[in-house]
Amino acid sequence: MKKEYRHLTLMERQRIFEWYHYKKKSMREIARLLDRSHSTISREIKRNMTTYYVATYYPHPAHSEYLKRIRTRAQRMKLKSNATRNYVIEKLKLGWSPEIISGRLKVDAQLDYVCHESIYQYIYKEEPGLRDHLPRKHKKRRKKYPTRKYKTIISDKTSILERPQKINDRSIPGHWESDSVESKGRQCALNVLVERVSRLMHVTRLSSKKSVDTKNAILNCVIHRDRFNLRSSKSIL
């Protein structure tokens, strides 16, 4: 009897991450443990593999992408009304921009109204041949606020997956983790240092989000801790 297909859950994705990266299990072995097809595991890992330090499958980003695909897979066709669609195509060929067409539809109120964003999506997703009638004939839509990508090269980088097991088990004190936290609106930032065993925490407010300020905050915490340990040892003596 053919099994009914079920989508992977977040818990299953967490198991895949643990077994694939830490336990070094094969995809077929993971599939047997989860009672899944090995092709399902293979597609899941290849689709959501990201390169941060090394190629790694992360469960939470993978699950977020899955939810995003679920939300967008059943979107309605833009310009569903034939009369509105024909009107839009006619005016585009006359040289009207989507903004002008949308504004005229709102004023006339004789046809179903669509915003200019819906017209752009209709052109780029369903009728790419109409791009030649746009004022700017871009082959792909460009973001209104493009983000600049920086390529960072880190020498002697080490993946967190190579961390010794005794550190993962929190059996030996003295190992710290550092992270940065931003406030809403990115008005200020904090550097947080946490000792893995005792959960001792040092929080420092950063003057900026530059790497040099983060480095100085970590060094100041280390110096302050060493001075405290030195004073404590003198008081005992």
C-alpha atoms as a PDB file:
ATOM      1  CA  MET A   1       0.000   0.000   0.000  1.00  0.00           C
ATOM      2  CA  LYS A   2       1.353   3.375  -1.032  1.00  0.00           C
ATOM      3  CA  LYS A   3       2.134   5.684   1.885  1.00  0.00           C
ATOM      4  CA  GLU A   4       0.481   9.072   2.080  1.00  0.00           C
ATOM      5  CA  TYR A   5       3.033  11.827   1.601  1.00  0.00           C
ATOM      6  CA  ARG A   6       3.687  14.004   4.651  1.00  0.00           C
ATOM      7  CA  HIS A   7       5.715  17.194   4.768  1.00  0.00           C
ATOM      8  CA  LEU A   8       8.761  17.259   7.023  1.00  0.00           C
ATOM      9  CA  THR A   9       8.238  18.809  10.445  1.00  0.00           C
ATOM     10  CA  LEU A  10      10.618  21.105  12.328  1.00  0.00           C
ATOM     11  CA  MET A  11      11.478  18.273  14.730  1.00  0.00           C
ATOM     12  CA  GLU A  12      12.407  16.017  11.806  1.00  0.00           C
ATOM     13  CA  ARG A  13      14.587  18.747  10.337  1.00  0.00           C
ATOM     14  CA  GLN A  14      16.360  19.087  13.684  1.00  0.00           C
ATOM     15  CA  ARG A  15      16.990  15.330  13.692  1.00  0.00           C
ATOM     16  CA  ILE A  16      18.385  15.538  10.149  1.00  0.00           C
ATOM     17  CA  PHE A  17      20.776  18.311  11.241  1.00  0.00           C
ATOM     18  CA  GLU A  18      21.987  16.328  14.242  1.00  0.00           C
ATOM     19  CA  TRP A  19      22.333  12.958  12.520  1.00  0.00           C
ATOM     20  CA  TYR A  20      23.819  14.293   9.274  1.00  0.00           C
ATOM     21  CA  HIS A  21      26.400  16.731  10.704  1.00  0.00           C
ATOM     22  CA  TYR A  22      27.194  15.403  14.175  1.00  0.00           C
ATOM     23  CA  LYS A  23      26.500  11.662  13.979  1.00  0.00           C
ATOM     24  CA  LYS A  24      27.724  11.477  10.337  1.00  0.00           C
ATOM     25  CA  LYS A  25      24.864   9.188   9.324  1.00  0.00           C
ATOM     26  CA  SER A  26      24.128   8.561   5.651  1.00  0.00           C
ATOM     27  CA  MET A  27      20.969   9.881   3.996  1.00  0.00           C
ATOM     28  CA  ARG A  28      19.568   6.352   3.643  1.00  0.00           C
ATOM     29  CA  GLU A  29      20.166   5.671   7.338  1.00  0.00           C
ATOM     30  CA  ILE A  30      18.446   8.943   8.297  1.00  0.00           C
ATOM     31  CA  ALA A  31      15.548   8.025   6.004  1.00  0.00           C
ATOM     32  CA  ARG A  32      15.131   4.657   7.777  1.00  0.00           C
ATOM     33  CA  LEU A  33      15.186   6.299  11.209  1.00  0.00           C
ATOM     34  CA  LEU A  34      12.529   8.842  10.172  1.00  0.00           C
ATOM     35  CA  ASP A  35      10.530   6.311   8.140  1.00  0.00           C
ATOM     36  CA  ARG A  36      10.973   8.471   5.050  1.00  0.00           C
ATOM     37  CA  SER A  37      12.165   7.991   1.498  1.00  0.00           C
ATOM     38  CA  HIS A  38      15.891   8.602   1.074  1.00  0.00           C
ATOM     39  CA  SER A  39      15.083  10.872  -1.901  1.00  0.00           C
ATOM     40  CA  THR A  40      13.041  13.101   0.448  1.00  0.00           C
ATOM     41  CA  ILE A  41      16.051  13.479   2.762  1.00  0.00           C
ATOM     42  CA  SER A  42      18.381  14.097  -0.174  1.00  0.00           C
ATOM     43  CA  ARG A  43      16.155  16.817  -1.670  1.00  0.00           C
ATOM     44  CA  GLU A  44      15.683  18.449   1.718  1.00  0.00           C
ATOM     45  CA  ILE A  45      19.417  18.728   2.391  1.00  0.00           C
ATOM     46  CA  LYS A  46      20.393  19.844  -1.121  1.00  0.00           C
ATOM     47  CA  ARG A  47      17.594  22.417  -1.316  1.00  0.00           C
ATOM     48  CA  ASN A  48      18.440  24.042   2.025  1.00  0.00           C
ATOM     49  CA  MET A  49      22.229  23.675   2.188  1.00  0.00           C
ATOM     50  CA  THR A  50      23.839  27.028   3.000  1.00  0.00           C
ATOM     51  CA  THR A  51      27.481  28.069   3.011  1.00  0.00           C
ATOM     52  CA  TYR A  52      28.398  30.151   6.055  1.00  0.00           C
ATOM     53  CA  TYR A  53      31.814  28.867   7.063  1.00  0.00           C
ATOM     54  CA  VAL A  54      31.314  25.437   5.528  1.00  0.00           C
ATOM     55  CA  ALA A  55      28.385  23.902   3.670  1.00  0.00           C
ATOM     56  CA  THR A  56      25.818  23.203   6.406  1.00  0.00           C
ATOM     57  CA  TYR A  57      22.152  22.259   6.621  1.00  0.00           C
ATOM     58  CA  TYR A  58      20.388  24.399   9.263  1.00  0.00           C
ATOM     59  CA  PRO A  59      16.928  23.217  10.414  1.00  0.00           C
ATOM     60  CA  HIS A  60      15.285  26.511  11.392  1.00  0.00           C
ATOM     61  CA  PRO A  61      16.105  28.450   8.166  1.00  0.00           C
ATOM     62  CA  ALA A  62      15.065  25.365   6.192  1.00  0.00           C
ATOM     63  CA  HIS A  63      11.709  25.265   7.988  1.00  0.00           C
ATOM     64  CA  SER A  64      11.206  29.015   7.439  1.00  0.00           C
ATOM     65  CA  GLU A  65      11.788  28.578   3.698  1.00  0.00           C
ATOM     66  CA  TYR A  66       9.314  25.694   3.676  1.00  0.00           C
ATOM     67  CA  LEU A  67       6.626  27.847   5.307  1.00  0.00           C
ATOM     68  CA  LYS A  68       7.320  30.620   2.807  1.00  0.00           C
ATOM     69  CA  ARG A  69       6.858  28.215  -0.116  1.00  0.00           C
ATOM     70  CA  ILE A  70       3.574  26.970   1.372  1.00  0.00           C
ATOM     71  CA  ARG A  71       2.233  30.532   1.602  1.00  0.00           C
ATOM     72  CA  THR A  72       3.132  31.463  -1.970  1.00  0.00           C
ATOM     73  CA  ARG A  73       2.363  28.253  -3.865  1.00  0.00           C
ATOM     74  CA  ALA A  74      -1.391  28.958  -4.240  1.00  0.00           C
ATOM     75  CA  GLN A  75      -1.352  32.653  -5.071  1.00  0.00           C
ATOM     76  CA  ARG A  76      -4.159  33.859  -7.305  1.00  0.00           C
ATOM     77  CA  MET A  77      -3.483  34.891 -10.873  1.00  0.00           C
ATOM     78  CA  LYS A  78      -3.034  38.631 -11.198  1.00  0.00           C
ATOM     79  CA  LEU A  79      -5.580  40.573 -13.266  1.00  0.00           C
ATOM     80  CA  LYS A  80      -8.125  37.764 -13.108  1.00  0.00           C
ATOM     81  CA  SER A  81     -10.812  39.853 -14.800  1.00  0.00           C
ATOM     82  CA  ASN A  82     -10.615  39.564 -18.602  1.00  0.00           C
ATOM     83  CA  ALA A  83     -11.899  43.097 -19.128  1.00  0.00           C
ATOM     84  CA  THR A  84      -9.339  44.607 -16.745  1.00  0.00           C
ATOM     85  CA  ARG A  85      -6.533  42.503 -18.190  1.00  0.00           C
ATOM     86  CA  ASN A  86      -7.353  43.566 -21.767  1.00  0.00           C
ATOM     87  CA  TYR A  87      -7.539  47.195 -20.651  1.00  0.00           C
ATOM     88  CA  VAL A  88      -4.133  46.982 -18.985  1.00  0.00           C
ATOM     89  CA  ILE A  89      -2.515  45.328 -22.011  1.00  0.00           C
ATOM     90  CA  GLU A  90      -4.029  47.924 -24.368  1.00  0.00           C
ATOM     91  CA  LYS A  91      -2.784  50.870 -22.329  1.00  0.00           C
ATOM     92  CA  LEU A  92       0.662  49.337 -21.841  1.00  0.00           C
ATOM     93  CA  LYS A  93       1.048  49.079 -25.620  1.00  0.00           C
ATOM     94  CA  LEU A  94       0.094  52.760 -25.867  1.00  0.00           C
ATOM     95  CA  GLY A  95       3.013  53.629 -23.592  1.00  0.00           C
ATOM     96  CA  TRP A  96       1.153  54.109 -20.301  1.00  0.00           C
ATOM     97  CA  SER A  97       3.023  53.159 -17.141  1.00  0.00           C
ATOM     98  CA  PRO A  98       1.454  50.760 -14.580  1.00  0.00           C
ATOM     99  CA  GLU A  99       1.107  53.692 -12.155  1.00  0.00           C
ATOM    100  CA  ILE A 100      -0.936  55.697 -14.673  1.00  0.00           C
ATOM    101  CA  ILE A 101      -3.091  52.700 -15.585  1.00  0.00           C
ATOM    102  CA  SER A 102      -3.826  51.956 -11.926  1.00  0.00           C
ATOM    103  CA  GLY A 103      -4.721  55.593 -11.248  1.00  0.00           C
ATOM    104  CA  ARG A 104      -7.091  55.701 -14.244  1.00  0.00           C
ATOM    105  CA  LEU A 105      -8.824  52.508 -13.115  1.00  0.00           C
ATOM    106  CA  LYS A 106      -9.433  54.072  -9.706  1.00  0.00           C
ATOM    107  CA  VAL A 107     -10.920  57.232 -11.256  1.00  0.00           C
ATOM    108  CA  ASP A 108     -13.127  55.555 -13.883  1.00  0.00           C
ATOM    109  CA  ALA A 109     -14.519  52.855 -11.544  1.00  0.00           C
ATOM    110  CA  GLN A 110     -15.919  50.988 -14.576  1.00  0.00           C
ATOM    111  CA  LEU A 111     -13.523  48.050 -14.322  1.00  0.00           C
ATOM    112  CA  ASP A 112     -12.102  46.087 -11.429  1.00  0.00           C
ATOM    113  CA  TYR A 113      -9.361  48.114  -9.752  1.00  0.00           C
ATOM    114  CA  VAL A 114      -5.816  46.746  -9.506  1.00  0.00           C
ATOM    115  CA  CYS A 115      -2.825  48.503  -7.988  1.00  0.00           C
ATOM    116  CA  HIS A 116       0.307  49.187 -10.004  1.00  0.00           C
ATOM    117  CA  GLU A 117       2.221  46.516  -8.042  1.00  0.00           C
ATOM    118  CA  SER A 118      -0.236  43.855  -9.262  1.00  0.00           C
ATOM    119  CA  ILE A 119       0.317  45.030 -12.835  1.00  0.00           C
ATOM    120  CA  TYR A 120       4.100  44.747 -12.440  1.00  0.00           C
ATOM    121  CA  GLN A 121       3.749  41.241 -10.979  1.00  0.00           C
ATOM    122  CA  TYR A 122       1.429  40.224 -13.817  1.00  0.00           C
ATOM    123  CA  ILE A 123       3.974  41.410 -16.392  1.00  0.00           C
ATOM    124  CA  TYR A 124       7.057  39.811 -14.841  1.00  0.00           C
ATOM    125  CA  LYS A 125       5.441  36.547 -13.721  1.00  0.00           C
ATOM    126  CA  GLU A 126       2.780  35.852 -16.369  1.00  0.00           C
ATOM    127  CA  GLU A 127       3.412  38.032 -19.448  1.00  0.00           C
ATOM    128  CA  PRO A 128       7.155  38.807 -19.718  1.00  0.00           C
ATOM    129  CA  GLY A 129       6.670  39.862 -23.336  1.00  0.00           C
ATOM    130  CA  LEU A 130       5.020  43.071 -22.089  1.00  0.00           C
ATOM    131  CA  ARG A 131       8.290  44.236 -20.482  1.00  0.00           C
ATOM    132  CA  ASP A 132       9.203  45.983 -23.741  1.00  0.00           C
ATOM    133  CA  HIS A 133       6.277  48.383 -23.227  1.00  0.00           C
ATOM    134  CA  LEU A 134       7.481  49.538 -19.790  1.00  0.00           C
ATOM    135  CA  PRO A 135       9.318  52.873 -19.459  1.00  0.00           C
ATOM    136  CA  ARG A 136      12.332  50.938 -18.121  1.00  0.00           C
ATOM    137  CA  LYS A 137      12.675  47.629 -19.881  1.00  0.00           C
ATOM    138  CA  HIS A 138      14.389  45.661 -17.096  1.00  0.00           C
ATOM    139  CA  LYS A 139      14.558  41.917 -17.646  1.00  0.00           C
ATOM    140  CA  LYS A 140      14.211  41.367 -13.897  1.00  0.00           C
ATOM    141  CA  ARG A 141      12.515  43.441 -11.237  1.00  0.00           C
ATOM    142  CA  ARG A 142      14.899  45.429  -9.108  1.00  0.00           C
ATOM    143  CA  LYS A 143      14.448  46.054  -5.419  1.00  0.00           C
ATOM    144  CA  LYS A 144      13.433  49.529  -4.415  1.00  0.00           C
ATOM    145  CA  TYR A 145      16.148  49.581  -1.779  1.00  0.00           C
ATOM    146  CA  PRO A 146      18.889  47.255  -3.042  1.00  0.00           C
ATOM    147  CA  THR A 147      21.094  45.679  -0.446  1.00  0.00           C
ATOM    148  CA  ARG A 148      24.828  45.786  -0.896  1.00  0.00           C
ATOM    149  CA  LYS A 149      26.586  42.464  -0.560  1.00  0.00           C
ATOM    150  CA  TYR A 150      29.980  42.324   1.066  1.00  0.00           C
ATOM    151  CA  LYS A 151      32.261  39.377   0.481  1.00  0.00           C
ATOM    152  CA  THR A 152      34.107  38.685   3.696  1.00  0.00           C
ATOM    153  CA  ILE A 153      37.254  36.594   3.607  1.00  0.00           C
ATOM    154  CA  ILE A 154      38.239  35.135   6.988  1.00  0.00           C
ATOM    155  CA  SER A 155      41.627  33.480   7.225  1.00  0.00           C
ATOM    156  CA  ASP A 156      42.083  30.323   9.309  1.00  0.00           C
ATOM    157  CA  LYS A 157      38.334  30.047   9.826  1.00  0.00           C
ATOM    158  CA  THR A 158      37.020  27.076  11.785  1.00  0.00           C
ATOM    159  CA  SER A 159      33.487  25.728  11.599  1.00  0.00           C
ATOM    160  CA  ILE A 160      31.463  25.391  14.805  1.00  0.00           C
ATOM    161  CA  LEU A 161      30.838  21.794  13.733  1.00  0.00           C
ATOM    162  CA  GLU A 162      34.501  21.073  14.529  1.00  0.00           C
ATOM    163  CA  ARG A 163      34.051  22.096  18.170  1.00  0.00           C
ATOM    164  CA  PRO A 164      35.180  19.287  20.563  1.00  0.00           C
ATOM    165  CA  GLN A 165      32.424  17.205  22.126  1.00  0.00           C
ATOM    166  CA  LYS A 166      33.515  18.131  25.673  1.00  0.00           C
ATOM    167  CA  ILE A 167      32.596  21.740  24.885  1.00  0.00           C
ATOM    168  CA  ASN A 168      29.221  20.715  23.448  1.00  0.00           C
ATOM    169  CA  ASP A 169      28.531  18.680  26.614  1.00  0.00           C
ATOM    170  CA  ARG A 170      29.324  21.685  28.859  1.00  0.00           C
ATOM    171  CA  SER A 171      31.485  19.421  31.022  1.00  0.00           C
ATOM    172  CA  ILE A 172      34.511  21.754  31.270  1.00  0.00           C
ATOM    173  CA  PRO A 173      34.214  25.439  32.353  1.00  0.00           C
ATOM    174  CA  GLY A 174      36.102  28.250  30.691  1.00  0.00           C
ATOM    175  CA  HIS A 175      34.535  28.208  27.230  1.00  0.00           C
ATOM    176  CA  TRP A 176      32.641  31.338  26.187  1.00  0.00           C
ATOM    177  CA  GLU A 177      30.181  32.206  23.443  1.00  0.00           C
ATOM    178  CA  SER A 178      29.758  35.688  22.008  1.00  0.00           C
ATOM    179  CA  ASP A 179      26.880  37.224  20.089  1.00  0.00           C
ATOM    180  CA  SER A 180      25.596  40.682  19.170  1.00  0.00           C
ATOM    181  CA  VAL A 181      22.072  41.992  19.762  1.00  0.00           C
ATOM    182  CA  GLU A 182      20.463  44.959  17.999  1.00  0.00           C
ATOM    183  CA  SER A 183      17.622  47.095  19.331  1.00  0.00           C
ATOM    184  CA  LYS A 184      14.497  47.864  17.361  1.00  0.00           C
ATOM    185  CA  GLY A 185      15.319  50.384  14.670  1.00  0.00           C
ATOM    186  CA  ARG A 186      19.029  49.511  14.952  1.00  0.00           C
ATOM    187  CA  GLN A 187      19.615  52.434  17.292  1.00  0.00           C
ATOM    188  CA  CYS A 188      22.035  50.613  19.579  1.00  0.00           C
ATOM    189  CA  ALA A 189      23.797  47.268  19.861  1.00  0.00           C
ATOM    190  CA  LEU A 190      24.960  44.991  22.675  1.00  0.00           C
ATOM    191  CA  ASN A 191      27.711  42.421  22.877  1.00  0.00           C
ATOM    192  CA  VAL A 192      26.810  39.398  24.992  1.00  0.00           C
ATOM    193  CA  LEU A 193      29.372  36.948  26.381  1.00  0.00           C
ATOM    194  CA  VAL A 194      28.109  33.742  28.035  1.00  0.00           C
ATOM    195  CA  GLU A 195      30.183  31.086  29.815  1.00  0.00           C
ATOM    196  CA  ARG A 196      28.786  27.701  28.695  1.00  0.00           C
ATOM    197  CA  VAL A 197      28.896  25.880  32.045  1.00  0.00           C
ATOM    198  CA  SER A 198      28.070  28.504  34.696  1.00  0.00           C
ATOM    199  CA  ARG A 199      25.985  30.641  32.257  1.00  0.00           C
ATOM    200  CA  LEU A 200      27.796  33.701  33.624  1.00  0.00           C
ATOM    201  CA  MET A 201      26.941  36.594  31.351  1.00  0.00           C
ATOM    202  CA  HIS A 202      28.729  39.852  30.466  1.00  0.00           C
ATOM    203  CA  VAL A 203      26.734  42.455  28.522  1.00  0.00           C
ATOM    204  CA  THR A 204      28.442  45.487  26.988  1.00  0.00           C
ATOM    205  CA  ARG A 205      26.789  48.328  25.139  1.00  0.00           C
ATOM    206  CA  LEU A 206      28.622  49.031  21.878  1.00  0.00           C
ATOM    207  CA  SER A 207      29.256  52.521  20.575  1.00  0.00           C
ATOM    208  CA  SER A 208      28.857  51.207  17.023  1.00  0.00           C
ATOM    209  CA  LYS A 209      28.305  47.917  15.175  1.00  0.00           C
ATOM    210  CA  LYS A 210      31.834  47.789  13.772  1.00  0.00           C
ATOM    211  CA  SER A 211      33.969  44.721  14.363  1.00  0.00           C
ATOM    212  CA  VAL A 212      36.649  46.737  16.162  1.00  0.00           C
ATOM    213  CA  ASP A 213      34.151  47.821  18.858  1.00  0.00           C
ATOM    214  CA  THR A 214      33.017  44.218  19.329  1.00  0.00           C
ATOM    215  CA  LYS A 215      36.639  43.114  19.652  1.00  0.00           C
ATOM    216  CA  ASN A 216      37.368  45.831  22.244  1.00  0.00           C
ATOM    217  CA  ALA A 217      34.269  44.872  24.251  1.00  0.00           C
ATOM    218  CA  ILE A 218      35.424  41.244  24.422  1.00  0.00           C
ATOM    219  CA  LEU A 219      38.975  42.241  25.394  1.00  0.00           C
ATOM    220  CA  ASN A 220      37.696  44.571  28.143  1.00  0.00           C
ATOM    221  CA  CYS A 221      35.599  41.770  29.619  1.00  0.00           C
ATOM    222  CA  VAL A 222      38.596  39.436  29.605  1.00  0.00           C
ATOM    223  CA  ILE A 223      40.836  42.047  31.272  1.00  0.00           C
ATOM    224  CA  HIS A 224      38.165  42.845  33.874  1.00  0.00           C
ATOM    225  CA  ARG A 225      37.710  39.157  34.645  1.00  0.00           C
ATOM    226  CA  ASP A 226      41.487  38.593  35.046  1.00  0.00           C
ATOM    227  CA  ARG A 227      41.763  41.579  37.414  1.00  0.00           C
ATOM    228  CA  PHE A 228      38.856  40.250  39.480  1.00  0.00           C
ATOM    229  CA  ASN A 229      40.477  36.815  39.723  1.00  0.00           C
ATOM    230  CA  LEU A 230      43.787  38.408  40.754  1.00  0.00           C
ATOM    231  CA  ARG A 231      42.150  40.468  43.541  1.00  0.00           C
ATOM    232  CA  SER A 232      40.272  37.393  44.759  1.00  0.00           C
ATOM    233  CA  SER A 233      43.453  35.326  44.969  1.00  0.00           C
ATOM    234  CA  LYS A 234      45.266  38.097  46.920  1.00  0.00           C
ATOM    235  CA  SER A 235      42.418  38.382  49.423  1.00  0.00           C
ATOM    236  CA  ILE A 236      42.600  34.627  50.040  1.00  0.00           C
ATOM    237  CA  LEU A 237      46.345  34.806  50.634  1.00  0.00           C
END
